[in-house]
């Protein structure tokens, strides 16, 4: 019985996390974060004097 309750709570938490990650409010933040590695590479590869 207890393991079933724990499983249900974890399932609800997982679904909630998925909904949060795919919400439109988070889309801009994740798009910005996805560009960070490219921006860091660009700053490291600037021509040297």
N, C-alpha and C. Protein backbone atom coordinates (compact mmCIF):
# COMPACT_ATOMS: atom_id res chain seq x y z
N UNK A 1 0.83 -1.20 0.00
CA UNK A 1 0.00 0.00 0.00
C UNK A 1 0.87 1.25 0.00
N UNK A 2 1.88 1.27 0.86
CA UNK A 2 2.75 2.44 0.95
C UNK A 2 3.52 2.66 -0.35
N UNK A 3 4.00 1.59 -0.96
CA UNK A 3 4.75 1.74 -2.20
C UNK A 3 3.86 2.27 -3.32
N UNK A 4 2.60 1.92 -3.31
CA UNK A 4 1.65 2.44 -4.30
C UNK A 4 1.44 3.94 -4.14
N UNK A 5 1.37 4.40 -2.90
CA UNK A 5 1.19 5.83 -2.63
C UNK A 5 2.44 6.60 -3.06
N UNK A 6 3.60 6.06 -2.73
CA UNK A 6 4.86 6.71 -3.12
C UNK A 6 4.96 6.76 -4.65
N UNK A 7 4.60 5.69 -5.32
CA UNK A 7 4.63 5.66 -6.78
C UNK A 7 3.69 6.70 -7.37
N UNK A 8 2.50 6.82 -6.81
CA UNK A 8 1.54 7.82 -7.30
C UNK A 8 2.07 9.24 -7.09
N UNK A 9 2.67 9.51 -5.95
CA UNK A 9 3.22 10.84 -5.68
C UNK A 9 4.36 11.16 -6.65
N UNK A 10 5.24 10.19 -6.88
CA UNK A 10 6.34 10.41 -7.81
C UNK A 10 5.85 10.59 -9.24
N UNK A 11 4.82 9.87 -9.62
CA UNK A 11 4.23 10.03 -10.96
C UNK A 11 3.65 11.42 -11.12
N UNK A 12 2.94 11.90 -10.13
CA UNK A 12 2.36 13.25 -10.17
C UNK A 12 3.47 14.30 -10.23
N UNK A 13 4.54 14.09 -9.46
CA UNK A 13 5.67 15.02 -9.48
C UNK A 13 6.34 15.03 -10.85
N UNK A 14 6.49 13.87 -11.47
CA UNK A 14 7.10 13.78 -12.79
C UNK A 14 6.25 14.49 -13.84
N UNK A 15 4.96 14.27 -13.81
CA UNK A 15 4.06 14.93 -14.76
C UNK A 15 4.09 16.44 -14.55
N UNK A 16 4.10 16.87 -13.29
CA UNK A 16 4.19 18.30 -13.00
C UNK A 16 5.48 18.90 -13.52
N UNK A 17 6.59 18.20 -13.36
CA UNK A 17 7.88 18.68 -13.88
C UNK A 17 7.86 18.78 -15.39
N UNK A 18 7.28 17.80 -16.05
CA UNK A 18 7.18 17.85 -17.52
C UNK A 18 6.32 19.02 -17.97
N UNK A 19 5.21 19.25 -17.32
CA UNK A 19 4.35 20.38 -17.67
C UNK A 19 5.07 21.71 -17.45
N UNK A 20 5.82 21.81 -16.36
CA UNK A 20 6.57 23.03 -16.08
C UNK A 20 7.64 23.27 -17.15
N UNK A 21 8.35 22.21 -17.52
CA UNK A 21 9.44 22.35 -18.49
C UNK A 21 8.92 22.72 -19.88
N UNK A 22 7.76 22.24 -20.25
CA UNK A 22 7.22 22.49 -21.58
C UNK A 22 6.26 23.67 -21.62
N UNK A 23 6.11 24.41 -20.52
CA UNK A 23 5.18 25.54 -20.53
C UNK A 23 5.74 26.68 -21.36
N UNK A 24 4.87 27.49 -21.91
CA UNK A 24 5.29 28.60 -22.75
C UNK A 24 6.05 29.66 -21.96
N UNK A 25 5.79 29.78 -20.68
CA UNK A 25 6.51 30.76 -19.86
C UNK A 25 7.98 30.42 -19.76
N UNK A 26 8.34 29.15 -19.80
CA UNK A 26 9.74 28.72 -19.67
C UNK A 26 10.46 28.67 -21.01
N UNK A 27 9.73 28.73 -22.11
CA UNK A 27 10.32 28.54 -23.43
C UNK A 27 11.41 29.58 -23.71
N UNK A 28 11.19 30.83 -23.36
CA UNK A 28 12.18 31.87 -23.62
C UNK A 28 13.46 31.63 -22.80
N UNK A 29 13.29 31.26 -21.54
CA UNK A 29 14.45 31.00 -20.68
C UNK A 29 15.28 29.83 -21.19
N UNK A 30 14.61 28.76 -21.62
CA UNK A 30 15.34 27.60 -22.11
C UNK A 30 15.99 27.89 -23.46
N UNK A 31 15.35 28.70 -24.30
CA UNK A 31 15.97 29.07 -25.58
C UNK A 31 17.23 29.89 -25.33
N UNK A 32 17.17 30.78 -24.37
CA UNK A 32 18.35 31.58 -24.03
C UNK A 32 19.46 30.70 -23.47
N UNK A 33 19.11 29.77 -22.61
CA UNK A 33 20.10 28.87 -22.03
C UNK A 33 20.72 27.96 -23.09
N UNK A 34 19.96 27.60 -24.11
CA UNK A 34 20.49 26.72 -25.14
C UNK A 34 21.53 27.42 -26.01
N UNK A 35 21.51 28.75 -26.04
CA UNK A 35 22.49 29.50 -26.82
C UNK A 35 23.77 29.80 -26.04
N UNK A 36 23.80 29.58 -24.75
CA UNK A 36 24.96 29.92 -23.94
C UNK A 36 26.26 29.22 -24.39
N UNK A 37 26.27 27.93 -24.67
CA UNK A 37 27.53 27.31 -25.10
C UNK A 37 28.08 27.92 -26.39
N UNK A 38 27.20 28.30 -27.30
CA UNK A 38 27.66 28.90 -28.55
C UNK A 38 28.24 30.28 -28.31
N UNK A 39 27.64 31.04 -27.43
CA UNK A 39 28.14 32.37 -27.13
C UNK A 39 29.49 32.29 -26.42
N UNK A 40 29.67 31.30 -25.55
CA UNK A 40 30.94 31.14 -24.86
C UNK A 40 32.04 30.75 -25.85
N UNK A 41 31.73 29.90 -26.81
CA UNK A 41 32.72 29.52 -27.83
C UNK A 41 33.12 30.73 -28.66
N UNK A 42 32.16 31.58 -28.98
CA UNK A 42 32.43 32.75 -29.80
C UNK A 42 33.37 33.70 -29.06
N UNK A 43 33.18 33.90 -27.77
CA UNK A 43 34.04 34.81 -27.03
C UNK A 43 35.43 34.23 -26.83
N UNK A 44 35.55 32.93 -26.77
CA UNK A 44 36.86 32.30 -26.59
C UNK A 44 37.65 32.28 -27.90
N UNK A 45 36.99 32.35 -29.02
CA UNK A 45 37.67 32.24 -30.31
C UNK A 45 37.91 33.60 -30.96
N UNK A 46 37.82 34.66 -30.20
CA UNK A 46 38.10 35.98 -30.78
C UNK A 46 39.56 36.04 -31.19
N UNK A 47 39.85 36.75 -32.27
CA UNK A 47 41.24 36.81 -32.75
C UNK A 47 42.17 37.40 -31.69
N UNK A 48 43.36 36.84 -31.65
CA UNK A 48 44.35 37.32 -30.71
C UNK A 48 45.20 38.40 -31.35
N UNK A 49 45.64 39.33 -30.56
CA UNK A 49 46.45 40.43 -31.09
C UNK A 49 47.90 40.07 -31.22
